[in-house]
Amino acid sequence: MALPENLEGTKQLILRDFELQEGEEPIATEEDLLRLLADQIAHMIEFNLEVLLSNMYRLDISERKVNAALSPNHPEPANMALARLVLERQKQRAYTKKHYQQPNLGDLGGLEL
């Protein structure tokens, strides 16, 4: 069973941005994707926090929300809270990408970028 079409784009963004690959068990639900991402974030918190924080900045996730997720007072573990923030942000990005695609400019008449 594959992810619903609206989550497939989100999955692809997350796999790319967090250098993840699907294992032998396919990612069939949003919960599967969240668990995979939370595991990767837990690893990054322990071994590569600077890269994780850089990813959060690059994904345009609010610093206030990241700090709240990392707070010892947060009701859920930091890796899960951050994974939820990333998942929601990537859902927004996938939606925007799908619904507001740039038109193909085709031949630019000799102009080069």
N, C-alpha and C. Protein backbone atom coordinates (compact mmCIF):
# COMPACT_ATOMS: atom_id res chain seq x y z
N MET A 1 0.84 -1.19 0.00
CA MET A 1 0.00 0.00 0.00
C MET A 1 0.88 1.25 0.00
N ALA A 2 0.69 2.11 -0.97
CA ALA A 2 1.49 3.32 -1.11
C ALA A 2 0.86 4.47 -0.33
N LEU A 3 1.66 5.47 -0.09
CA LEU A 3 1.15 6.68 0.56
C LEU A 3 0.12 7.34 -0.33
N PRO A 4 -0.84 8.03 0.27
CA PRO A 4 -1.77 8.81 -0.56
C PRO A 4 -0.99 9.82 -1.40
N GLU A 5 -1.53 10.16 -2.56
CA GLU A 5 -0.83 11.05 -3.49
C GLU A 5 -0.39 12.35 -2.83
N ASN A 6 -1.22 12.90 -1.95
CA ASN A 6 -0.87 14.17 -1.31
C ASN A 6 0.32 14.04 -0.35
N LEU A 7 0.65 12.83 0.08
CA LEU A 7 1.81 12.65 0.97
C LEU A 7 3.05 12.17 0.22
N GLU A 8 2.90 11.72 -1.00
CA GLU A 8 4.05 11.22 -1.75
C GLU A 8 5.08 12.33 -1.96
N GLY A 9 4.63 13.52 -2.30
CA GLY A 9 5.55 14.65 -2.47
C GLY A 9 6.25 15.01 -1.17
N THR A 10 5.51 14.96 -0.08
CA THR A 10 6.07 15.23 1.25
C THR A 10 7.16 14.21 1.56
N LYS A 11 6.86 12.95 1.30
CA LYS A 11 7.84 11.88 1.56
C LYS A 11 9.12 12.12 0.75
N GLN A 12 8.97 12.46 -0.52
CA GLN A 12 10.15 12.67 -1.36
C GLN A 12 11.00 13.83 -0.85
N LEU A 13 10.35 14.91 -0.40
CA LEU A 13 11.10 16.05 0.15
C LEU A 13 11.85 15.65 1.41
N ILE A 14 11.20 14.90 2.28
CA ILE A 14 11.83 14.49 3.54
C ILE A 14 12.99 13.53 3.28
N LEU A 15 12.77 12.56 2.40
CA LEU A 15 13.85 11.61 2.09
C LEU A 15 15.06 12.35 1.54
N ARG A 16 14.82 13.32 0.65
CA ARG A 16 15.92 14.07 0.05
C ARG A 16 16.62 14.96 1.08
N ASP A 17 15.83 15.75 1.83
CA ASP A 17 16.42 16.74 2.72
C ASP A 17 17.12 16.13 3.93
N PHE A 18 16.72 14.93 4.31
CA PHE A 18 17.34 14.28 5.47
C PHE A 18 18.18 13.06 5.09
N GLU A 19 18.47 12.96 3.78
CA GLU A 19 19.33 11.90 3.25
C GLU A 19 18.91 10.53 3.76
N LEU A 20 17.62 10.25 3.60
CA LEU A 20 17.05 8.98 4.03
C LEU A 20 16.69 8.12 2.82
N GLN A 21 16.58 6.83 3.07
CA GLN A 21 16.12 5.91 2.04
C GLN A 21 15.08 5.01 2.67
N GLU A 22 14.15 4.58 1.83
CA GLU A 22 13.17 3.62 2.31
C GLU A 22 13.89 2.31 2.55
N GLY A 23 13.55 1.66 3.65
CA GLY A 23 14.13 0.37 3.95
C GLY A 23 13.37 -0.73 3.24
N GLU A 24 13.53 -1.93 3.74
CA GLU A 24 12.83 -3.07 3.15
C GLU A 24 11.33 -2.93 3.34
N GLU A 25 10.93 -2.33 4.47
CA GLU A 25 9.51 -2.06 4.71
C GLU A 25 9.18 -0.72 4.06
N PRO A 26 8.27 -0.70 3.10
CA PRO A 26 7.95 0.59 2.47
C PRO A 26 7.23 1.52 3.44
N ILE A 27 7.35 2.80 3.16
CA ILE A 27 6.65 3.81 3.95
C ILE A 27 5.23 3.86 3.43
N ALA A 28 4.30 3.32 4.22
CA ALA A 28 2.92 3.17 3.75
C ALA A 28 1.96 4.18 4.38
N THR A 29 2.37 4.79 5.50
CA THR A 29 1.48 5.72 6.18
C THR A 29 2.27 6.96 6.62
N GLU A 30 1.54 7.98 6.98
CA GLU A 30 2.18 9.18 7.52
C GLU A 30 2.91 8.85 8.81
N GLU A 31 2.35 7.94 9.60
CA GLU A 31 2.99 7.53 10.86
C GLU A 31 4.34 6.85 10.59
N ASP A 32 4.42 6.02 9.53
CA ASP A 32 5.69 5.39 9.15
C ASP A 32 6.73 6.45 8.81
N LEU A 33 6.30 7.45 8.05
CA LEU A 33 7.19 8.53 7.65
C LEU A 33 7.65 9.32 8.87
N LEU A 34 6.74 9.59 9.78
CA LEU A 34 7.06 10.33 11.00
C LEU A 34 8.07 9.55 11.85
N ARG A 35 7.88 8.24 11.98
CA ARG A 35 8.81 7.41 12.77
C ARG A 35 10.20 7.40 12.16
N LEU A 36 10.27 7.23 10.83
CA LEU A 36 11.57 7.22 10.14
C LEU A 36 12.28 8.56 10.35
N LEU A 37 11.55 9.63 10.19
CA LEU A 37 12.12 10.97 10.36
C LEU A 37 12.54 11.20 11.81
N ALA A 38 11.72 10.80 12.76
CA ALA A 38 12.05 10.97 14.19
C ALA A 38 13.32 10.20 14.55
N ASP A 39 13.48 9.00 14.01
CA ASP A 39 14.71 8.23 14.26
C ASP A 39 15.93 8.95 13.71
N GLN A 40 15.81 9.51 12.50
CA GLN A 40 16.94 10.24 11.90
C GLN A 40 17.25 11.50 12.72
N ILE A 41 16.22 12.19 13.17
CA ILE A 41 16.42 13.40 13.95
C ILE A 41 17.06 13.07 15.30
N ALA A 42 16.67 11.96 15.92
CA ALA A 42 17.29 11.53 17.18
C ALA A 42 18.79 11.32 16.97
N HIS A 43 19.14 10.68 15.87
CA HIS A 43 20.55 10.45 15.55
C HIS A 43 21.27 11.79 15.35
N MET A 44 20.61 12.71 14.64
CA MET A 44 21.23 14.01 14.39
C MET A 44 21.36 14.83 15.68
N ILE A 45 20.40 14.74 16.57
CA ILE A 45 20.50 15.46 17.85
C ILE A 45 21.74 14.99 18.60
N GLU A 46 21.98 13.69 18.57
CA GLU A 46 23.10 13.12 19.31
C GLU A 46 24.45 13.35 18.64
N PHE A 47 24.48 13.26 17.30
CA PHE A 47 25.77 13.26 16.61
C PHE A 47 26.01 14.43 15.67
N ASN A 48 24.97 15.17 15.30
CA ASN A 48 25.14 16.20 14.28
C ASN A 48 24.12 17.33 14.47
N LEU A 49 24.08 17.89 15.65
CA LEU A 49 23.08 18.90 15.99
C LEU A 49 23.18 20.13 15.09
N GLU A 50 24.39 20.55 14.74
CA GLU A 50 24.55 21.74 13.90
C GLU A 50 23.90 21.56 12.54
N VAL A 51 24.07 20.39 11.95
CA VAL A 51 23.45 20.11 10.64
C VAL A 51 21.94 20.09 10.78
N LEU A 52 21.44 19.49 11.84
CA LEU A 52 19.99 19.46 12.07
C LEU A 52 19.44 20.87 12.19
N LEU A 53 20.07 21.71 12.98
CA LEU A 53 19.60 23.08 13.15
C LEU A 53 19.71 23.87 11.85
N SER A 54 20.73 23.60 11.07
CA SER A 54 20.88 24.22 9.76
C SER A 54 19.73 23.80 8.84
N ASN A 55 19.36 22.52 8.89
CA ASN A 55 18.23 22.04 8.09
C ASN A 55 16.94 22.75 8.50
N MET A 56 16.74 22.91 9.81
CA MET A 56 15.53 23.58 10.29
C MET A 56 15.48 25.02 9.75
N TYR A 57 16.61 25.69 9.77
CA TYR A 57 16.68 27.06 9.26
C TYR A 57 16.39 27.08 7.76
N ARG A 58 17.02 26.17 7.03
CA ARG A 58 16.85 26.11 5.58
C ARG A 58 15.41 25.78 5.19
N LEU A 59 14.74 24.97 6.00
CA LEU A 59 13.34 24.62 5.73
C LEU A 59 12.38 25.72 6.19
N ASP A 60 12.93 26.77 6.79
CA ASP A 60 12.14 27.90 7.25
C ASP A 60 11.16 27.51 8.35
N ILE A 61 11.66 26.71 9.29
CA ILE A 61 10.87 26.35 10.47
C ILE A 61 11.22 27.35 11.56
N SER A 62 10.22 27.94 12.15
CA SER A 62 10.39 29.00 13.14
C SER A 62 11.36 28.59 14.25
N GLU A 63 12.30 29.49 14.53
CA GLU A 63 13.27 29.25 15.60
C GLU A 63 12.56 29.09 16.94
N ARG A 64 11.49 29.84 17.14
CA ARG A 64 10.70 29.73 18.37
C ARG A 64 10.13 28.33 18.52
N LYS A 65 9.60 27.77 17.43
CA LYS A 65 9.03 26.43 17.48
C LYS A 65 10.11 25.37 17.72
N VAL A 66 11.27 25.55 17.09
CA VAL A 66 12.38 24.62 17.30
C VAL A 66 12.83 24.66 18.75
N ASN A 67 12.99 25.86 19.30
CA ASN A 67 13.41 25.98 20.70
C ASN A 67 12.39 25.35 21.64
N ALA A 68 11.10 25.54 21.35
CA ALA A 68 10.06 24.93 22.18
C ALA A 68 10.14 23.41 22.12
N ALA A 69 10.38 22.87 20.92
CA ALA A 69 10.47 21.41 20.76
C ALA A 69 11.69 20.85 21.49
N LEU A 70 12.75 21.62 21.57
CA LEU A 70 13.97 21.17 22.25
C LEU A 70 13.94 21.40 23.76
N SER A 71 12.93 22.11 24.23
CA SER A 71 12.83 22.42 25.65
C SER A 71 12.56 21.17 26.48
N PRO A 72 13.19 21.05 27.64
CA PRO A 72 12.92 19.92 28.52
C PRO A 72 11.47 19.90 29.01
N ASN A 73 10.78 21.03 28.91
CA ASN A 73 9.39 21.12 29.36
C ASN A 73 8.39 20.68 28.30
N HIS A 74 8.87 20.39 27.09
CA HIS A 74 7.96 19.99 26.01
C HIS A 74 7.38 18.62 26.36
N PRO A 75 6.08 18.40 26.09
CA PRO A 75 5.42 17.15 26.49
C PRO A 75 5.87 15.89 25.74
N GLU A 76 6.51 16.04 24.58
CA GLU A 76 6.98 14.85 23.89
C GLU A 76 8.48 14.95 23.64
N PRO A 77 9.13 13.82 23.37
CA PRO A 77 10.58 13.85 23.13
C PRO A 77 10.95 14.81 22.00
N ALA A 78 12.12 15.42 22.10
CA ALA A 78 12.57 16.42 21.13
C ALA A 78 12.57 15.88 19.71
N ASN A 79 13.04 14.64 19.52
CA ASN A 79 13.11 14.12 18.16
C ASN A 79 11.72 14.01 17.53
N MET A 80 10.73 13.60 18.31
CA MET A 80 9.37 13.47 17.78
C MET A 80 8.76 14.85 17.53
N ALA A 81 8.98 15.79 18.44
CA ALA A 81 8.44 17.14 18.27
C ALA A 81 9.03 17.81 17.03
N LEU A 82 10.34 17.66 16.84
CA LEU A 82 10.98 18.24 15.66
C LEU A 82 10.51 17.54 14.39
N ALA A 83 10.33 16.23 14.45
CA ALA A 83 9.85 15.48 13.28
C ALA A 83 8.46 15.97 12.87
N ARG A 84 7.62 16.26 13.86
CA ARG A 84 6.27 16.78 13.54
C ARG A 84 6.36 18.15 12.87
N LEU A 85 7.27 19.00 13.34
CA LEU A 85 7.46 20.32 12.72
C LEU A 85 7.93 20.17 11.27
N VAL A 86 8.88 19.28 11.05
CA VAL A 86 9.40 19.06 9.70
C VAL A 86 8.31 18.50 8.79
N LEU A 87 7.57 17.51 9.28
CA LEU A 87 6.52 16.91 8.48
C LEU A 87 5.48 17.95 8.06
N GLU A 88 5.05 18.79 8.99
CA GLU A 88 4.06 19.81 8.66
C GLU A 88 4.61 20.81 7.64
N ARG A 89 5.86 21.21 7.83
CA ARG A 89 6.47 22.17 6.90
C ARG A 89 6.61 21.55 5.52
N GLN A 90 7.02 20.29 5.46
CA GLN A 90 7.20 19.64 4.16
C GLN A 90 5.86 19.40 3.48
N LYS A 91 4.81 19.17 4.24
CA LYS A 91 3.46 19.06 3.65
C LYS A 91 3.10 20.38 2.96
N GLN A 92 3.41 21.49 3.63
CA GLN A 92 3.12 22.81 3.05
C GLN A 92 3.92 23.01 1.76
N ARG A 93 5.20 22.65 1.80
CA ARG A 93 6.05 22.81 0.62
C ARG A 93 5.58 21.94 -0.53
N ALA A 94 5.20 20.69 -0.25
CA ALA A 94 4.74 19.79 -1.30
C ALA A 94 3.45 20.32 -1.92
N TYR A 95 2.55 20.84 -1.09
CA TYR A 95 1.29 21.39 -1.60
C TYR A 95 1.58 22.58 -2.52
N THR A 96 2.43 23.47 -2.07
CA THR A 96 2.78 24.65 -2.86
C THR A 96 3.43 24.25 -4.17
N LYS A 97 4.34 23.29 -4.11
CA LYS A 97 5.03 22.83 -5.30
C LYS A 97 4.05 22.25 -6.32
N LYS A 98 3.06 21.52 -5.83
CA LYS A 98 2.10 20.88 -6.72
C LYS A 98 1.10 21.87 -7.30
N HIS A 99 0.64 22.82 -6.50
CA HIS A 99 -0.43 23.70 -6.93
C HIS A 99 0.03 25.03 -7.54
N TYR A 100 1.29 25.37 -7.36
CA TYR A 100 1.78 26.65 -7.89
C TYR A 100 3.05 26.43 -8.70
N GLN A 101 2.98 25.52 -9.66
CA GLN A 101 4.15 25.21 -10.48
C GLN A 101 4.47 26.37 -11.41
N GLN A 102 5.75 26.57 -11.63
CA GLN A 102 6.20 27.59 -12.56
C GLN A 102 5.90 27.13 -13.99
N PRO A 103 5.43 28.01 -14.85
CA PRO A 103 5.20 27.60 -16.24
C PRO A 103 6.52 27.32 -16.94
N ASN A 104 6.49 26.42 -17.89
CA ASN A 104 7.67 26.10 -18.69
C ASN A 104 7.93 27.29 -19.60
N LEU A 105 9.08 27.89 -19.48
CA LEU A 105 9.41 29.07 -20.28
C LEU A 105 9.85 28.69 -21.68
N GLY A 106 10.12 27.41 -21.89
CA GLY A 106 10.50 26.95 -23.23
C GLY A 106 11.77 27.63 -23.71
N ASP A 107 11.80 27.96 -24.97
CA ASP A 107 12.95 28.58 -25.59
C ASP A 107 13.00 30.06 -25.17
N LEU A 108 14.12 30.47 -24.64
CA LEU A 108 14.26 31.84 -24.19
C LEU A 108 14.81 32.76 -25.28
N GLY A 109 14.75 32.30 -26.51
CA GLY A 109 15.18 33.15 -27.62
C GLY A 109 16.64 33.52 -27.57
N GLY A 110 17.50 32.58 -27.22
CA GLY A 110 18.94 32.83 -27.20
C GLY A 110 19.45 33.38 -25.88
N LEU A 111 18.57 33.75 -24.99
CA LEU A 111 19.01 34.24 -23.68
C LEU A 111 19.50 33.06 -22.85
N GLU A 112 20.57 33.25 -22.13
CA GLU A 112 21.09 32.20 -21.27
C GLU A 112 21.16 32.74 -19.86
N LEU A 113 20.92 31.83 -18.94
CA LEU A 113 20.98 32.22 -17.53
C LEU A 113 22.34 31.91 -16.97
